[in-house]
Protein backbone atom coordinates (compact mmCIF):
# COMPACT_ATOMS: atom_id res chain seq x y z
CA MET A 1 77.77 105.37 163.69
CA ASN A 2 78.56 106.65 166.99
CA THR A 3 76.26 106.89 169.92
CA THR A 4 78.73 109.09 172.31
CA ILE A 5 77.74 111.70 170.27
CA GLN A 6 76.07 114.63 172.04
CA GLU A 7 72.60 114.58 169.71
CA GLU A 8 71.17 117.19 171.85
CA ASN A 9 74.91 119.62 171.66
CA LYS A 10 73.69 122.80 172.18
CA SER A 11 75.96 123.88 169.33
CA VAL A 12 75.19 122.04 167.42
CA GLN A 13 71.04 122.65 167.52
CA LEU A 14 71.70 126.69 167.39
CA ILE A 15 73.85 126.49 164.02
CA GLU A 16 71.22 128.08 161.38
CA ASN A 17 72.89 126.19 158.81
CA ASN A 18 73.27 122.42 159.60
CA ARG A 19 72.91 120.43 157.07
CA LEU A 20 76.63 119.10 157.60
CA LEU A 21 76.69 118.11 160.80
CA LYS A 22 72.56 116.27 160.44
CA ALA A 23 74.30 114.69 156.95
CA ALA A 24 76.47 113.59 158.92
CA LYS A 25 74.96 111.84 161.48
CA GLY A 26 72.56 110.59 159.22
CA GLU A 27 69.32 112.60 159.59
CA LYS A 28 67.13 113.75 157.04
CA VAL A 29 68.04 117.30 155.18
CA ASP A 30 66.16 118.61 152.46
CA ARG A 31 69.68 118.93 150.56
CA PRO A 32 73.22 117.31 150.75
CA PRO A 33 75.32 119.92 152.19
CA VAL A 34 78.04 121.56 149.64
CA TRP A 35 81.60 122.51 150.86
CA LEU A 36 85.18 122.13 148.59
CA MET A 37 88.50 120.85 149.71
CA ARG A 38 91.38 123.32 150.19
CA GLN A 39 88.45 125.81 149.16
CA ALA A 40 90.09 128.63 151.57
CA GLY A 41 93.19 130.01 149.56
CA ARG A 42 95.15 129.14 146.07
CA ILE A 43 91.93 129.68 143.91
CA LEU A 44 90.51 132.85 145.54
CA PRO A 45 91.92 136.32 144.57
CA GLN A 46 91.61 137.77 147.80
CA TYR A 47 93.39 135.22 149.52
CA LYS A 48 96.52 135.54 146.57
CA ALA A 49 96.29 139.29 147.14
CA LEU A 50 96.57 138.87 151.18
CA ARG A 51 99.07 136.04 150.42
CA ALA A 52 101.47 138.27 148.23
CA LYS A 53 101.85 140.90 151.22
CA LEU A 54 103.03 138.62 153.63
CA SER A 55 106.33 137.02 153.98
CA GLY A 56 105.89 133.39 153.68
CA PHE A 57 102.54 130.35 154.28
CA LYS A 58 103.33 129.62 157.06
CA GLU A 59 103.54 133.52 158.33
CA LEU A 60 99.85 132.92 157.36
CA VAL A 61 98.57 129.69 159.05
CA GLU A 62 100.60 130.72 162.09
CA THR A 63 98.73 134.02 162.53
CA PRO A 64 95.08 133.58 163.91
CA GLU A 65 94.08 136.45 162.54
CA LEU A 66 95.28 135.94 158.96
CA ALA A 67 94.10 131.93 159.06
CA CYS A 68 90.63 133.29 160.67
CA GLU A 69 90.63 135.87 157.91
CA VAL A 70 91.18 133.08 155.07
CA THR A 71 89.01 130.83 156.92
CA LEU A 72 85.86 133.15 156.55
CA GLN A 73 86.78 133.98 152.33
CA PRO A 74 85.59 131.59 150.39
CA VAL A 75 82.32 131.03 153.44
CA ASP A 76 81.71 135.33 151.72
CA GLU A 77 82.62 133.94 148.30
CA LEU A 78 81.26 130.94 147.25
CA GLY A 79 78.20 130.97 150.48
CA VAL A 80 79.85 127.37 151.32
CA ASP A 81 77.57 125.01 153.84
CA ALA A 82 80.90 125.33 156.11
CA ALA A 83 83.62 126.79 156.44
CA ILE A 84 87.56 124.90 157.10
CA ILE A 85 89.76 126.25 159.29
CA PHE A 86 93.16 127.55 157.28
CA SER A 87 96.21 125.25 158.46
CA ASP A 88 97.97 122.64 157.55
CA ILE A 89 98.70 118.89 158.15
CA LEU A 90 102.29 119.83 158.71
CA VAL A 91 101.52 121.50 162.11
CA ILE A 92 101.88 118.70 163.71
CA PRO A 93 105.36 117.72 162.57
CA GLU A 94 106.58 120.47 164.04
CA ALA A 95 105.11 121.34 166.78
CA MET A 96 107.01 117.90 167.95
CA GLY A 97 109.97 119.59 166.78
CA LEU A 98 110.38 118.57 163.20
CA THR A 99 110.59 122.14 161.47
CA TYR A 100 109.90 122.23 157.47
CA GLU A 101 109.47 125.04 155.14
CA MET A 102 107.07 126.04 152.31
CA ILE A 103 108.83 126.52 149.07
CA GLU A 104 106.95 128.57 146.84
CA LYS A 105 105.44 126.12 143.32
CA LYS A 106 107.79 123.13 145.41
CA GLY A 107 105.69 122.35 148.19
CA PRO A 108 107.07 121.25 151.66
CA SER A 109 110.72 120.23 152.53
CA PHE A 110 112.04 119.42 155.49
CA PRO A 111 115.84 120.72 156.08
CA LYS A 112 116.47 116.96 158.62
CA THR A 113 114.14 113.78 158.48
CA VAL A 114 113.67 111.23 161.45
CA GLN A 115 115.48 107.69 160.42
CA THR A 116 116.73 106.31 163.15
CA LEU A 117 115.42 105.78 166.45
CA ASP A 118 117.36 108.10 168.29
CA ASP A 119 116.06 110.53 165.98
CA LEU A 120 112.90 109.86 167.56
CA LYS A 121 114.78 111.05 171.02
CA GLN A 122 115.28 114.40 169.36
CA LEU A 123 111.35 114.95 168.83
CA ARG A 124 108.01 115.31 171.53
CA VAL A 125 104.87 113.84 171.64
CA ALA A 126 102.94 117.39 171.29
CA ASP A 127 100.18 118.42 173.79
CA GLY A 128 97.15 120.98 172.34
CA ASP A 129 99.30 124.14 173.53
CA GLY A 130 102.44 123.00 170.63
CA VAL A 131 99.45 124.42 167.82
CA ALA A 132 97.78 127.00 170.42
CA TYR A 133 97.91 129.45 167.17
CA THR A 134 95.43 126.40 164.99
CA CYS A 135 93.30 126.90 167.96
CA LYS A 136 92.99 130.60 168.58
CA ALA A 137 91.93 131.13 165.01
CA ILE A 138 89.21 128.28 165.26
CA GLN A 139 87.96 130.47 168.49
CA LEU A 140 88.36 133.66 166.32
CA VAL A 141 86.24 132.01 162.76
CA LYS A 142 83.47 130.50 165.24
CA ALA A 143 82.99 134.16 166.93
CA GLU A 144 82.66 135.46 163.30
CA LEU A 145 80.85 132.70 162.06
CA ASN A 146 78.16 133.54 164.68
CA ASN A 147 76.36 129.77 164.19
CA LYS A 148 75.73 130.49 160.48
CA ILE A 149 77.26 127.38 159.25
CA PRO A 150 79.71 124.59 161.23
CA LEU A 151 83.77 124.49 160.84
CA ILE A 152 85.57 121.58 160.22
CA GLY A 153 88.66 120.89 161.54
CA PHE A 154 91.03 118.61 160.63
CA ALA A 155 94.63 117.06 161.07
CA GLY A 156 96.54 114.25 158.57
CA ALA A 157 96.65 110.88 159.72
CA PRO A 158 99.77 109.36 161.15
CA TRP A 159 100.70 107.44 158.06
CA THR A 160 100.89 110.27 155.56
CA ILE A 161 102.61 112.37 158.62
CA PHE A 162 105.01 109.37 158.77
CA ALA A 163 105.76 109.79 155.01
CA TYR A 164 107.04 113.35 154.93
CA MET A 165 108.64 112.98 158.03
CA VAL A 166 110.79 110.74 156.80
CA GLU A 167 111.04 111.72 153.58
CA GLY A 168 111.74 115.14 154.13
CA GLY A 169 108.79 116.19 151.35
CA GLY A 170 106.35 115.23 148.51
CA SER A 171 107.41 112.58 146.54
CA LYS A 172 105.97 110.32 143.57
CA THR A 173 106.85 106.79 145.20
CA PHE A 174 107.28 106.84 148.77
CA SER A 175 109.66 104.90 148.76
CA LYS A 176 112.68 105.84 151.83
CA ALA A 177 109.66 106.30 153.89
CA ARG A 178 107.62 103.12 152.66
CA GLY A 179 111.10 100.87 152.31
CA LYS A 180 111.26 102.45 156.33
CA LEU A 181 108.32 100.16 157.45
CA TYR A 182 110.08 96.93 155.88
CA SER A 183 113.76 97.38 156.76
CA ASP A 184 113.14 98.23 161.06
CA PRO A 185 109.25 98.42 162.10
CA GLU A 186 110.68 99.34 165.57
CA PHE A 187 111.29 103.02 164.39
CA SER A 188 108.92 102.95 162.40
CA HIS A 189 105.91 102.11 165.16
CA GLN A 190 107.25 104.11 167.83
CA LEU A 191 106.71 107.31 165.00
CA MET A 192 103.69 106.40 164.19
CA GLU A 193 102.41 106.25 167.98
CA MET A 194 104.15 109.67 168.59
CA ILE A 195 102.21 110.69 165.31
CA THR A 196 99.35 109.65 167.10
CA GLU A 197 99.01 110.67 170.01
CA SER A 198 99.74 114.32 169.21
CA THR A 199 97.53 113.94 167.08
CA ILE A 200 94.73 113.05 169.83
CA ALA A 201 95.90 116.34 171.39
CA TYR A 202 95.74 118.69 168.34
CA LEU A 203 92.04 117.46 167.51
CA LYS A 204 90.71 117.51 170.95
CA ALA A 205 92.08 121.40 171.24
CA GLN A 206 90.60 122.33 168.03
CA ILE A 207 87.07 120.61 169.11
CA ALA A 208 87.56 122.42 173.03
CA SER A 209 88.36 125.67 170.35
CA GLY A 210 84.81 125.02 169.25
CA ALA A 211 85.41 122.83 165.65
CA ASP A 212 82.35 121.51 164.70
CA LEU A 213 83.49 117.81 162.73
CA ILE A 214 86.63 116.79 162.51
CA GLN A 215 88.22 115.80 158.93
CA VAL A 216 91.56 113.26 158.93
CA PHE A 217 93.62 113.43 155.88
CA ASP A 218 95.32 110.33 155.14
CA SER A 219 96.88 111.95 151.69
CA TRP A 220 99.10 109.34 151.26
CA ALA A 221 97.13 106.04 151.65
CA GLY A 222 96.95 104.62 148.73
CA MET A 223 101.02 104.53 148.08
CA LEU A 224 100.50 101.12 150.40
CA THR A 225 100.19 98.21 149.76
CA PRO A 226 96.74 96.63 151.88
CA LYS A 227 98.59 95.10 154.48
CA GLN A 228 101.27 97.20 154.96
CA TYR A 229 98.60 99.23 156.00
CA GLU A 230 96.48 97.21 157.59
CA ILE A 231 100.21 96.42 160.00
CA PHE A 232 100.98 100.41 159.87
CA ALA A 233 97.83 102.89 159.35
CA LEU A 234 94.87 101.69 160.64
CA PRO A 235 95.23 101.29 164.24
CA TYR A 236 96.64 103.89 164.56
CA LEU A 237 93.90 105.81 161.97
CA LYS A 238 90.83 103.51 164.95
CA ARG A 239 93.11 105.04 167.95
CA ILE A 240 92.04 108.80 166.58
CA CYS A 241 88.61 108.24 165.72
CA ASP A 242 87.81 106.68 168.81
CA ALA A 243 88.86 109.67 170.38
CA LEU A 244 87.01 112.05 169.61
CA PRO A 245 83.40 110.89 170.41
CA GLU A 246 82.37 114.71 170.57
CA VAL A 247 81.89 115.75 167.48
CA PRO A 248 81.14 113.52 164.03
CA VAL A 249 84.38 112.28 162.36
CA THR A 250 85.13 111.81 158.37
CA VAL A 251 88.28 109.85 158.01
CA PHE A 252 89.72 110.60 153.43
CA ALA A 253 91.75 108.40 153.21
CA LYS A 254 92.95 108.78 149.25
CA GLY A 255 93.26 105.87 146.81
CA ALA A 256 93.01 103.31 149.40
CA TYR A 257 89.90 101.02 148.26
CA PHE A 258 91.52 98.21 149.12
CA THR A 259 90.34 99.18 152.90
CA LEU A 260 86.52 100.55 152.58
CA ASN A 261 86.07 97.08 154.24
CA ASN A 262 88.11 98.07 157.27
CA LEU A 263 87.12 101.28 156.78
CA ALA A 264 83.26 99.98 157.32
CA ASP A 265 83.95 99.20 161.03
CA MET A 266 86.16 102.33 161.78
CA ASN A 267 84.26 105.07 164.83
CA CYS A 268 83.58 108.44 162.14
CA GLN A 269 80.58 108.87 160.61
CA THR A 270 81.60 110.09 156.93
CA ILE A 271 84.60 108.41 154.33
CA GLY A 272 85.66 110.47 152.06
CA LEU A 273 85.93 109.60 148.58
CA ASP A 274 88.63 110.18 145.39
CA TRP A 275 87.22 110.54 142.16
CA ASN A 276 87.95 107.26 141.20
CA MET A 277 85.53 104.57 143.35
CA ASN A 278 82.94 103.86 142.25
CA ILE A 279 79.93 105.53 143.87
CA GLU A 280 77.82 102.47 143.61
CA HIS A 281 80.65 99.86 145.08
CA CYS A 282 81.02 102.27 147.93
CA ARG A 283 77.75 102.70 149.12
CA GLU A 284 77.73 98.57 149.20
CA ILE A 285 79.75 98.42 151.74
CA LEU A 286 79.96 101.58 153.94
CA PRO A 287 75.99 100.87 153.84
CA ASN A 288 76.31 102.59 157.58
CA LYS A 289 78.20 105.47 156.35
CA CYS A 290 77.46 109.10 154.92
CA LEU A 291 79.44 109.28 151.60
CA GLN A 292 81.72 112.50 150.72
CA GLY A 293 83.01 112.94 147.55
CA ASN A 294 84.04 112.53 144.73
CA LEU A 295 84.13 114.60 141.56
CA ASP A 296 87.21 114.86 139.89
CA PRO A 297 88.51 117.98 140.22
CA CYS A 298 89.28 118.53 136.86
CA GLN A 299 85.63 118.79 135.87
CA LEU A 300 85.70 121.80 136.68
CA TYR A 301 88.23 123.07 134.09
CA ALA A 302 85.15 121.68 131.81
CA PRO A 303 82.33 124.68 130.32
CA PHE A 304 79.38 125.17 132.85
CA SER A 305 76.83 123.30 131.56
CA GLU A 306 78.75 120.17 131.71
CA ILE A 307 80.30 121.38 135.52
CA GLU A 308 76.11 121.22 135.97
CA SER A 309 75.39 117.59 134.34
CA ALA A 310 78.02 116.11 136.02
CA ALA A 311 77.76 116.80 139.66
CA LYS A 312 73.75 116.48 139.19
CA GLU A 313 74.64 112.99 137.97
CA MET A 314 76.87 112.36 140.92
CA VAL A 315 73.92 113.82 143.46
CA LYS A 316 71.58 111.24 141.68
CA ARG A 317 74.33 108.58 142.03
CA PHE A 318 74.51 109.05 145.78
CA GLY A 319 71.44 110.00 146.78
CA THR A 320 70.73 112.96 148.94
CA GLN A 321 70.64 111.56 152.29
CA LYS A 322 73.95 110.60 154.10
CA TYR A 323 75.81 112.01 151.81
CA ILE A 324 78.40 115.56 151.56
CA ALA A 325 78.59 116.74 147.87
CA ASN A 326 82.45 118.08 147.46
CA LEU A 327 85.75 117.29 144.96
CA GLY A 328 87.28 113.65 145.04
CA HIS A 329 90.56 115.62 146.09
CA GLY A 330 91.44 119.51 147.00
CA VAL A 331 90.21 122.06 144.37
CA TYR A 332 93.43 123.29 141.98
CA PRO A 333 94.88 126.44 142.03
CA ASP A 334 94.32 127.78 138.61
CA THR A 335 90.47 126.38 139.34
CA PRO A 336 88.52 128.85 137.41
CA LEU A 337 86.55 130.65 140.62
CA ASP A 338 83.24 131.17 138.38
CA ALA A 339 83.67 126.92 137.74
CA VAL A 340 84.11 126.80 141.46
CA ARG A 341 80.38 128.16 141.97
CA CYS A 342 79.01 126.47 139.55
CA PHE A 343 79.40 123.04 141.20
CA VAL A 344 78.32 125.06 144.74
CA ASP A 345 75.16 126.65 143.62
CA THR A 346 74.39 123.69 141.20
CA VAL A 347 74.32 121.68 143.93
CA GLN A 348 71.85 123.82 146.31
CA GLY A 349 69.65 124.07 143.94
CA LEU A 350 69.14 120.44 143.47
């Protein structure tokens, strides 16, 4: 565990419900903390009502007052043990000069992509001011939370951001992005370098604005071979973790079962697990890490009695210490709100 984290950090001490931070640092808790990836957004009727009044998703992300409102909605509605700032991982490419669109029922799309070293000359390494609206939203949320629970900041991992910038959007294969690693490693490393430096500056700005914990999402980690992940993902992920000694860091590398041994040596406190990961195997490989996850998001379509049983069984397998209860991925938009509430209440009632 990172010994440079300030154990006597006054803001941490003042947080009324600090189970998340204590669990991440391996300190004793009375029960596991619980929150959900994508809790701020699509499952909440008040979010849908607000979203319908706006020009689009990006207006919500880029307006601090609105992002603050949406961040706080699940805190009020579900009573979760942590808030996570409402934003998007693709604000980094935008800050670097590669704009994106969020198309309804389709997802992110880049009108232009980067493919050559000349293309990279049109980009810049972003500084914290490049995503100032997220930092302002963090400041607003912290003021509203008034130290009741921690606030999680986040960013995408370099490989995942690279995948979108080269592919131009979501993909079942990310064959263009993966192919670029093989066909043009010089370009690939240079773009990874730019993304990494931009991400470090962004996350440091989030921490300076009040984020209590950082999560790095490597959503497409499982797309790479072990060798390619070791060459093009891990070194940059490691640099990000090493650059953030001020707060606990969580790494969520979805599908990357093949790199758990490497994550054991990563300078982060928590490893997020997707629903395909074997709990006991991960505990064996990652004995010194706090683990987070990993209920199948589809479990929340089941009857409440089954959700309760699954949640209790999951906590039993993980254990109550060095553990943060969550799903194995973001909550799906058509998930019944009462089912989400059932999951949160079950964990908090243990």
